[in-house]
PDB file of N, CA and C in Angstrom:
ATOM      1  N   MET A   1      43.934   4.265  18.542  1.00  0.00           N
ATOM      2  CA  MET A   1      42.510   3.968  18.525  1.00  0.00           C
ATOM      3  C   MET A   1      42.332   2.522  18.995  1.00  0.00           C
ATOM      4  N   ASP A   2      41.520   2.328  20.036  1.00  0.00           N
ATOM      5  CA  ASP A   2      41.333   0.965  20.514  1.00  0.00           C
ATOM      6  C   ASP A   2      40.276   0.237  19.677  1.00  0.00           C
ATOM      7  N   SER A   3      40.151  -1.057  19.873  1.00  0.00           N
ATOM      8  CA  SER A   3      39.295  -1.875  19.013  1.00  0.00           C
ATOM      9  C   SER A   3      37.809  -1.559  19.176  1.00  0.00           C
ATOM     10  N   THR A   4      37.383  -1.185  20.378  1.00  0.00           N
ATOM     11  CA  THR A   4      35.972  -0.849  20.586  1.00  0.00           C
ATOM     12  C   THR A   4      35.591   0.395  19.800  1.00  0.00           C
ATOM     13  N   THR A   5      36.417   1.402  19.828  1.00  0.00           N
ATOM     14  CA  THR A   5      36.162   2.624  19.076  1.00  0.00           C
ATOM     15  C   THR A   5      36.174   2.347  17.577  1.00  0.00           C
ATOM     16  N   LEU A   6      37.088   1.513  17.140  1.00  0.00           N
ATOM     17  CA  LEU A   6      37.160   1.155  15.726  1.00  0.00           C
ATOM     18  C   LEU A   6      35.892   0.432  15.289  1.00  0.00           C
ATOM     19  N   LEU A   7      35.415  -0.521  16.084  1.00  0.00           N
ATOM     20  CA  LEU A   7      34.182  -1.237  15.756  1.00  0.00           C
ATOM     21  C   LEU A   7      32.984  -0.297  15.706  1.00  0.00           C
ATOM     22  N   GLN A   8      32.913   0.631  16.656  1.00  0.00           N
ATOM     23  CA  GLN A   8      31.804   1.585  16.667  1.00  0.00           C
ATOM     24  C   GLN A   8      31.870   2.527  15.477  1.00  0.00           C
ATOM     25  N   SER A   9      33.063   2.900  15.059  1.00  0.00           N
ATOM     26  CA  SER A   9      33.182   3.777  13.895  1.00  0.00           C
ATOM     27  C   SER A   9      32.777   3.062  12.608  1.00  0.00           C
ATOM     28  N   LEU A  10      32.911   1.731  12.587  1.00  0.00           N
ATOM     29  CA  LEU A  10      32.479   0.941  11.431  1.00  0.00           C
ATOM     30  C   LEU A  10      31.018   0.527  11.539  1.00  0.00           C
ATOM     31  N   ASP A  11      30.323   1.019  12.577  1.00  0.00           N
ATOM     32  CA  ASP A  11      28.924   0.702  12.840  1.00  0.00           C
ATOM     33  C   ASP A  11      28.730  -0.788  13.120  1.00  0.00           C
ATOM     34  N   LEU A  12      29.704  -1.372  13.813  1.00  0.00           N
ATOM     35  CA  LEU A  12      29.632  -2.759  14.240  1.00  0.00           C
ATOM     36  C   LEU A  12      29.669  -2.792  15.757  1.00  0.00           C
ATOM     37  N   SER A  13      29.053  -3.805  16.336  1.00  0.00           N
ATOM     38  CA  SER A  13      29.118  -3.955  17.779  1.00  0.00           C
ATOM     39  C   SER A  13      29.221  -5.429  18.126  1.00  0.00           C
ATOM     40  N   LEU A  14      29.777  -5.709  19.275  1.00  0.00           N
ATOM     41  CA  LEU A  14      29.910  -7.078  19.725  1.00  0.00           C
ATOM     42  C   LEU A  14      28.576  -7.564  20.294  1.00  0.00           C
ATOM     43  N   PRO A  15      28.277  -8.840  20.155  1.00  0.00           N
ATOM     44  CA  PRO A  15      27.014  -9.341  20.705  1.00  0.00           C
ATOM     45  C   PRO A  15      27.057  -9.368  22.227  1.00  0.00           C
ATOM     46  N   SER A  16      25.888  -9.278  22.825  1.00  0.00           N
ATOM     47  CA  SER A  16      25.796  -9.295  24.282  1.00  0.00           C
ATOM     48  C   SER A  16      26.029 -10.717  24.797  1.00  0.00           C
ATOM     49  N   PRO A  17      26.377 -10.852  26.077  1.00  0.00           N
ATOM     50  CA  PRO A  17      26.543 -12.191  26.650  1.00  0.00           C
ATOM     51  C   PRO A  17      25.257 -13.023  26.584  1.00  0.00           C
ATOM     52  N   ALA A  18      24.094 -12.376  26.686  1.00  0.00           N
ATOM     53  CA  ALA A  18      22.823 -13.102  26.573  1.00  0.00           C
ATOM     54  C   ALA A  18      22.647 -13.678  25.165  1.00  0.00           C
ATOM     55  N   TYR A  19      23.074 -12.928  24.155  1.00  0.00           N
ATOM     56  CA  TYR A  19      22.978 -13.412  22.780  1.00  0.00           C
ATOM     57  C   TYR A  19      23.907 -14.601  22.565  1.00  0.00           C
ATOM     58  N   ILE A  20      25.126 -14.491  23.055  1.00  0.00           N
ATOM     59  CA  ILE A  20      26.100 -15.577  22.891  1.00  0.00           C
ATOM     60  C   ILE A  20      25.619 -16.838  23.601  1.00  0.00           C
ATOM     61  N   ALA A  21      25.089 -16.684  24.814  1.00  0.00           N
ATOM     62  CA  ALA A  21      24.579 -17.831  25.563  1.00  0.00           C
ATOM     63  C   ALA A  21      23.408 -18.484  24.821  1.00  0.00           C
ATOM     64  N   GLY A  22      22.516 -17.668  24.270  1.00  0.00           N
ATOM     65  CA  GLY A  22      21.386 -18.208  23.522  1.00  0.00           C
ATOM     66  C   GLY A  22      21.826 -18.924  22.256  1.00  0.00           C
ATOM     67  N   ALA A  23      22.780 -18.356  21.558  1.00  0.00           N
ATOM     68  CA  ALA A  23      23.266 -18.982  20.329  1.00  0.00           C
ATOM     69  C   ALA A  23      23.914 -20.334  20.630  1.00  0.00           C
ATOM     70  N   ILE A  24      24.674 -20.408  21.703  1.00  0.00           N
ATOM     71  CA  ILE A  24      25.300 -21.675  22.096  1.00  0.00           C
ATOM     72  C   ILE A  24      24.233 -22.678  22.522  1.00  0.00           C
ATOM     73  N   LEU A  25      23.273 -22.234  23.332  1.00  0.00           N
ATOM     74  CA  LEU A  25      22.209 -23.117  23.810  1.00  0.00           C
ATOM     75  C   LEU A  25      21.405 -23.706  22.658  1.00  0.00           C
ATOM     76  N   PHE A  26      20.931 -22.855  21.765  1.00  0.00           N
ATOM     77  CA  PHE A  26      20.120 -23.344  20.652  1.00  0.00           C
ATOM     78  C   PHE A  26      20.954 -24.149  19.656  1.00  0.00           C
ATOM     79  N   GLY A  27      22.227 -23.812  19.527  1.00  0.00           N
ATOM     80  CA  GLY A  27      23.097 -24.612  18.672  1.00  0.00           C
ATOM     81  C   GLY A  27      23.288 -26.022  19.206  1.00  0.00           C
ATOM     82  N   LEU A  28      23.442 -26.147  20.524  1.00  0.00           N
ATOM     83  CA  LEU A  28      23.590 -27.477  21.126  1.00  0.00           C
ATOM     84  C   LEU A  28      22.293 -28.282  21.030  1.00  0.00           C
ATOM     85  N   VAL A  29      21.170 -27.627  21.264  1.00  0.00           N
ATOM     86  CA  VAL A  29      19.872 -28.312  21.110  1.00  0.00           C
ATOM     87  C   VAL A  29      19.693 -28.757  19.657  1.00  0.00           C
ATOM     88  N   GLY A  30      20.070 -27.902  18.724  1.00  0.00           N
ATOM     89  CA  GLY A  30      19.969 -28.242  17.313  1.00  0.00           C
ATOM     90  C   GLY A  30      20.869 -29.399  16.926  1.00  0.00           C
ATOM     91  N   MET A  31      22.072 -29.436  17.484  1.00  0.00           N
ATOM     92  CA  MET A  31      22.989 -30.526  17.184  1.00  0.00           C
ATOM     93  C   MET A  31      22.446 -31.852  17.719  1.00  0.00           C
ATOM     94  N   ALA A  32      21.885 -31.824  18.926  1.00  0.00           N
ATOM     95  CA  ALA A  32      21.293 -33.031  19.498  1.00  0.00           C
ATOM     96  C   ALA A  32      20.071 -33.475  18.689  1.00  0.00           C
ATOM     97  N   ALA A  33      19.240 -32.522  18.275  1.00  0.00           N
ATOM     98  CA  ALA A  33      18.058 -32.858  17.477  1.00  0.00           C
ATOM     99  C   ALA A  33      18.454 -33.424  16.117  1.00  0.00           C
ATOM    100  N   PHE A  34      19.483 -32.857  15.516  1.00  0.00           N
ATOM    101  CA  PHE A  34      19.952 -33.363  14.226  1.00  0.00           C
ATOM    102  C   PHE A  34      20.453 -34.794  14.357  1.00  0.00           C
ATOM    103  N   ALA A  35      21.250 -35.060  15.389  1.00  0.00           N
ATOM    104  CA  ALA A  35      21.783 -36.408  15.591  1.00  0.00           C
ATOM    105  C   ALA A  35      20.651 -37.404  15.862  1.00  0.00           C
ATOM    106  N   TYR A  36      19.693 -37.000  16.679  1.00  0.00           N
ATOM    107  CA  TYR A  36      18.557 -37.872  16.979  1.00  0.00           C
ATOM    108  C   TYR A  36      17.717 -38.127  15.729  1.00  0.00           C
ATOM    109  N   GLY A  37      17.448 -37.088  14.965  1.00  0.00           N
ATOM    110  CA  GLY A  37      16.665 -37.243  13.740  1.00  0.00           C
ATOM    111  C   GLY A  37      17.362 -38.109  12.707  1.00  0.00           C
ATOM    112  N   LYS A  38      18.663 -37.995  12.636  1.00  0.00           N
ATOM    113  CA  LYS A  38      19.428 -38.809  11.692  1.00  0.00           C
ATOM    114  C   LYS A  38      19.442 -40.271  12.130  1.00  0.00           C
ATOM    115  N   ARG A  39      19.589 -40.489  13.432  1.00  0.00           N
ATOM    116  CA  ARG A  39      19.648 -41.852  13.956  1.00  0.00           C
ATOM    117  C   ARG A  39      18.301 -42.565  13.829  1.00  0.00           C
ATOM    118  N   THR A  40      17.200 -41.838  14.026  1.00  0.00           N
ATOM    119  CA  THR A  40      15.868 -42.451  13.988  1.00  0.00           C
ATOM    120  C   THR A  40      15.160 -42.273  12.651  1.00  0.00           C
ATOM    121  N   GLN A  41      15.835 -41.705  11.674  1.00  0.00           N
ATOM    122  CA  GLN A  41      15.279 -41.489  10.331  1.00  0.00           C
ATOM    123  C   GLN A  41      14.043 -40.587  10.342  1.00  0.00           C
ATOM    124  N   ARG A  42      14.036 -39.571  11.204  1.00  0.00           N
ATOM    125  CA  ARG A  42      12.947 -38.588  11.253  1.00  0.00           C
ATOM    126  C   ARG A  42      13.440 -37.303  10.590  1.00  0.00           C
ATOM    127  N   SER A  43      12.998 -37.093   9.374  1.00  0.00           N
ATOM    128  CA  SER A  43      13.520 -35.966   8.609  1.00  0.00           C
ATOM    129  C   SER A  43      13.074 -34.620   9.180  1.00  0.00           C
ATOM    130  N   GLN A  44      11.855 -34.547   9.727  1.00  0.00           N
ATOM    131  CA  GLN A  44      11.383 -33.279  10.281  1.00  0.00           C
ATOM    132  C   GLN A  44      12.240 -32.860  11.477  1.00  0.00           C
ATOM    133  N   THR A  45      12.556 -33.793  12.346  1.00  0.00           N
ATOM    134  CA  THR A  45      13.408 -33.508  13.501  1.00  0.00           C
ATOM    135  C   THR A  45      14.806 -33.111  13.050  1.00  0.00           C
ATOM    136  N   LYS A  46      15.308 -33.795  12.050  1.00  0.00           N
ATOM    137  CA  LYS A  46      16.640 -33.493  11.521  1.00  0.00           C
ATOM    138  C   LYS A  46      16.710 -32.077  10.958  1.00  0.00           C
ATOM    139  N   TRP A  47      15.705 -31.662  10.203  1.00  0.00           N
ATOM    140  CA  TRP A  47      15.730 -30.330   9.590  1.00  0.00           C
ATOM    141  C   TRP A  47      15.467 -29.221  10.592  1.00  0.00           C
ATOM    142  N   ILE A  48      14.664 -29.486  11.608  1.00  0.00           N
ATOM    143  CA  ILE A  48      14.502 -28.492  12.664  1.00  0.00           C
ATOM    144  C   ILE A  48      15.821 -28.322  13.409  1.00  0.00           C
ATOM    145  N   GLY A  49      16.553 -29.416  13.600  1.00  0.00           N
ATOM    146  CA  GLY A  49      17.875 -29.341  14.214  1.00  0.00           C
ATOM    147  C   GLY A  49      18.839 -28.497  13.392  1.00  0.00           C
ATOM    148  N   VAL A  50      18.809 -28.657  12.091  1.00  0.00           N
ATOM    149  CA  VAL A  50      19.660 -27.845  11.208  1.00  0.00           C
ATOM    150  C   VAL A  50      19.277 -26.367  11.327  1.00  0.00           C
ATOM    151  N   ALA A  51      17.971 -26.105  11.352  1.00  0.00           N
ATOM    152  CA  ALA A  51      17.515 -24.721  11.493  1.00  0.00           C
ATOM    153  C   ALA A  51      17.966 -24.122  12.823  1.00  0.00           C
ATOM    154  N   LEU A  52      17.893 -24.904  13.897  1.00  0.00           N
ATOM    155  CA  LEU A  52      18.333 -24.410  15.204  1.00  0.00           C
ATOM    156  C   LEU A  52      19.835 -24.106  15.215  1.00  0.00           C
ATOM    157  N   MET A  53      20.600 -24.862  14.479  1.00  0.00           N
ATOM    158  CA  MET A  53      22.044 -24.613  14.446  1.00  0.00           C
ATOM    159  C   MET A  53      22.410 -23.398  13.601  1.00  0.00           C
ATOM    160  N   LEU A  54      21.641 -23.123  12.558  1.00  0.00           N
ATOM    161  CA  LEU A  54      22.048 -22.091  11.602  1.00  0.00           C
ATOM    162  C   LEU A  54      21.370 -20.733  11.759  1.00  0.00           C
ATOM    163  N   TYR A  55      20.176 -20.669  12.334  1.00  0.00           N
ATOM    164  CA  TYR A  55      19.459 -19.397  12.349  1.00  0.00           C
ATOM    165  C   TYR A  55      20.147 -18.296  13.157  1.00  0.00           C
ATOM    166  N   PRO A  56      20.951 -18.579  14.197  1.00  0.00           N
ATOM    167  CA  PRO A  56      21.605 -17.466  14.894  1.00  0.00           C
ATOM    168  C   PRO A  56      22.534 -16.633  14.000  1.00  0.00           C
ATOM    169  N   TYR A  57      22.992 -17.202  12.896  1.00  0.00           N
ATOM    170  CA  TYR A  57      23.842 -16.443  11.977  1.00  0.00           C
ATOM    171  C   TYR A  57      23.050 -15.389  11.209  1.00  0.00           C
ATOM    172  N   ALA A  58      21.734 -15.550  11.109  1.00  0.00           N
ATOM    173  CA  ALA A  58      20.909 -14.631  10.337  1.00  0.00           C
ATOM    174  C   ALA A  58      20.170 -13.613  11.195  1.00  0.00           C
ATOM    175  N   ILE A  59      20.161 -13.798  12.502  1.00  0.00           N
ATOM    176  CA  ILE A  59      19.404 -12.928  13.404  1.00  0.00           C
ATOM    177  C   ILE A  59      20.376 -12.179  14.303  1.00  0.00           C
ATOM    178  N   SER A  60      20.189 -10.865  14.408  1.00  0.00           N
ATOM    179  CA  SER A  60      21.120 -10.080  15.215  1.00  0.00           C
ATOM    180  C   SER A  60      20.513  -9.552  16.512  1.00  0.00           C
ATOM    181  N   ARG A  61      19.209  -9.589  16.655  1.00  0.00           N
ATOM    182  CA  ARG A  61      18.543  -9.098  17.867  1.00  0.00           C
ATOM    183  C   ARG A  61      18.412 -10.223  18.889  1.00  0.00           C
ATOM    184  N   THR A  62      18.721  -9.944  20.151  1.00  0.00           N
ATOM    185  CA  THR A  62      18.677 -10.967  21.188  1.00  0.00           C
ATOM    186  C   THR A  62      17.265 -11.464  21.427  1.00  0.00           C
ATOM    187  N   TRP A  63      16.299 -10.559  21.506  1.00  0.00           N
ATOM    188  CA  TRP A  63      14.923 -10.991  21.763  1.00  0.00           C
ATOM    189  C   TRP A  63      14.387 -11.847  20.635  1.00  0.00           C
ATOM    190  N   LEU A  64      14.794 -11.549  19.406  1.00  0.00           N
ATOM    191  CA  LEU A  64      14.348 -12.333  18.259  1.00  0.00           C
ATOM    192  C   LEU A  64      15.021 -13.708  18.248  1.00  0.00           C
ATOM    193  N   LEU A  65      16.269 -13.763  18.691  1.00  0.00           N
ATOM    194  CA  LEU A  65      16.973 -15.038  18.801  1.00  0.00           C
ATOM    195  C   LEU A  65      16.213 -15.985  19.720  1.00  0.00           C
ATOM    196  N   TYR A  66      15.797 -15.482  20.891  1.00  0.00           N
ATOM    197  CA  TYR A  66      15.079 -16.317  21.841  1.00  0.00           C
ATOM    198  C   TYR A  66      13.663 -16.653  21.361  1.00  0.00           C
ATOM    199  N   LEU A  67      13.012 -15.735  20.666  1.00  0.00           N
ATOM    200  CA  LEU A  67      11.673 -15.990  20.143  1.00  0.00           C
ATOM    201  C   LEU A  67      11.698 -17.103  19.098  1.00  0.00           C
ATOM    202  N   VAL A  68      12.569 -16.976  18.121  1.00  0.00           N
ATOM    203  CA  VAL A  68      12.656 -17.983  17.052  1.00  0.00           C
ATOM    204  C   VAL A  68      13.142 -19.311  17.622  1.00  0.00           C
ATOM    205  N   GLY A  69      14.107 -19.266  18.527  1.00  0.00           N
ATOM    206  CA  GLY A  69      14.589 -20.498  19.155  1.00  0.00           C
ATOM    207  C   GLY A  69      13.503 -21.198  19.942  1.00  0.00           C
ATOM    208  N   GLY A  70      12.702 -20.441  20.649  1.00  0.00           N
ATOM    209  CA  GLY A  70      11.588 -21.034  21.390  1.00  0.00           C
ATOM    210  C   GLY A  70      10.560 -21.668  20.471  1.00  0.00           C
ATOM    211  N   ILE A  71      10.267 -20.999  19.360  1.00  0.00           N
ATOM    212  CA  ILE A  71       9.309 -21.545  18.395  1.00  0.00           C
ATOM    213  C   ILE A  71       9.849 -22.830  17.767  1.00  0.00           C
ATOM    214  N   LEU A  72      11.124 -22.834  17.410  1.00  0.00           N
ATOM    215  CA  LEU A  72      11.715 -24.046  16.831  1.00  0.00           C
ATOM    216  C   LEU A  72      11.770 -25.190  17.847  1.00  0.00           C
ATOM    217  N   CYS A  73      12.059 -24.882  19.102  1.00  0.00           N
ATOM    218  CA  CYS A  73      12.062 -25.913  20.141  1.00  0.00           C
ATOM    219  C   CYS A  73      10.649 -26.445  20.376  1.00  0.00           C
ATOM    220  N   ALA A  74       9.653 -25.576  20.298  1.00  0.00           N
ATOM    221  CA  ALA A  74       8.268 -26.037  20.391  1.00  0.00           C
ATOM    222  C   ALA A  74       7.926 -26.945  19.217  1.00  0.00           C
ATOM    223  N   GLY A  75       8.452 -26.630  18.059  1.00  0.00           N
ATOM    224  CA  GLY A  75       8.263 -27.496  16.889  1.00  0.00           C
ATOM    225  C   GLY A  75       8.873 -28.862  17.104  1.00  0.00           C
ATOM    226  N   LEU A  76      10.029 -28.907  17.755  1.00  0.00           N
ATOM    227  CA  LEU A  76      10.638 -30.198  18.098  1.00  0.00           C
ATOM    228  C   LEU A  76       9.752 -30.977  19.046  1.00  0.00           C
ATOM    229  N   PHE A  77       9.188 -30.291  20.021  1.00  0.00           N
ATOM    230  CA  PHE A  77       8.335 -30.939  21.005  1.00  0.00           C
ATOM    231  C   PHE A  77       7.076 -31.503  20.344  1.00  0.00           C
ATOM    232  N   ILE A  78       6.503 -30.747  19.416  1.00  0.00           N
ATOM    233  CA  ILE A  78       5.294 -31.191  18.727  1.00  0.00           C
ATOM    234  C   ILE A  78       5.595 -32.348  17.773  1.00  0.00           C
ATOM    235  N   ALA A  79       6.759 -32.330  17.137  1.00  0.00           N
ATOM    236  CA  ALA A  79       7.121 -33.338  16.147  1.00  0.00           C
ATOM    237  C   ALA A  79       7.648 -34.635  16.752  1.00  0.00           C
ATOM    238  N   ARG A  80       7.676 -34.753  18.051  1.00  0.00           N
ATOM    239  CA  ARG A  80       8.298 -35.915  18.675  1.00  0.00           C
ATOM    240  C   ARG A  80       7.490 -37.191  18.583  1.00  0.00           C
ATOM    241  N   GLU A  81       6.242 -37.135  18.270  1.00  0.00           N
ATOM    242  CA  GLU A  81       5.318 -38.269  18.141  1.00  0.00           C
ATOM    243  C   GLU A  81       5.203 -39.019  19.427  1.00  0.00           C
TER     244      GLU A  81
END
């Protein structure tokens, strides 16, 4: 039994390349926002950065990943003063 069949029998599937790319992209944006917020003492920017880094672990749908990531990035843009 190969690994793909085993994963499907356990009702698990591998994420799509679009999901992986989005998770990496939003994670990097979140890491940069966290570092910037920490350096400039902006707590809102820092916490949005933390959210951008962690939310891909809780979301499994690709379209939802991009929707939430876009909303959080818009929040960063609005919070920039």
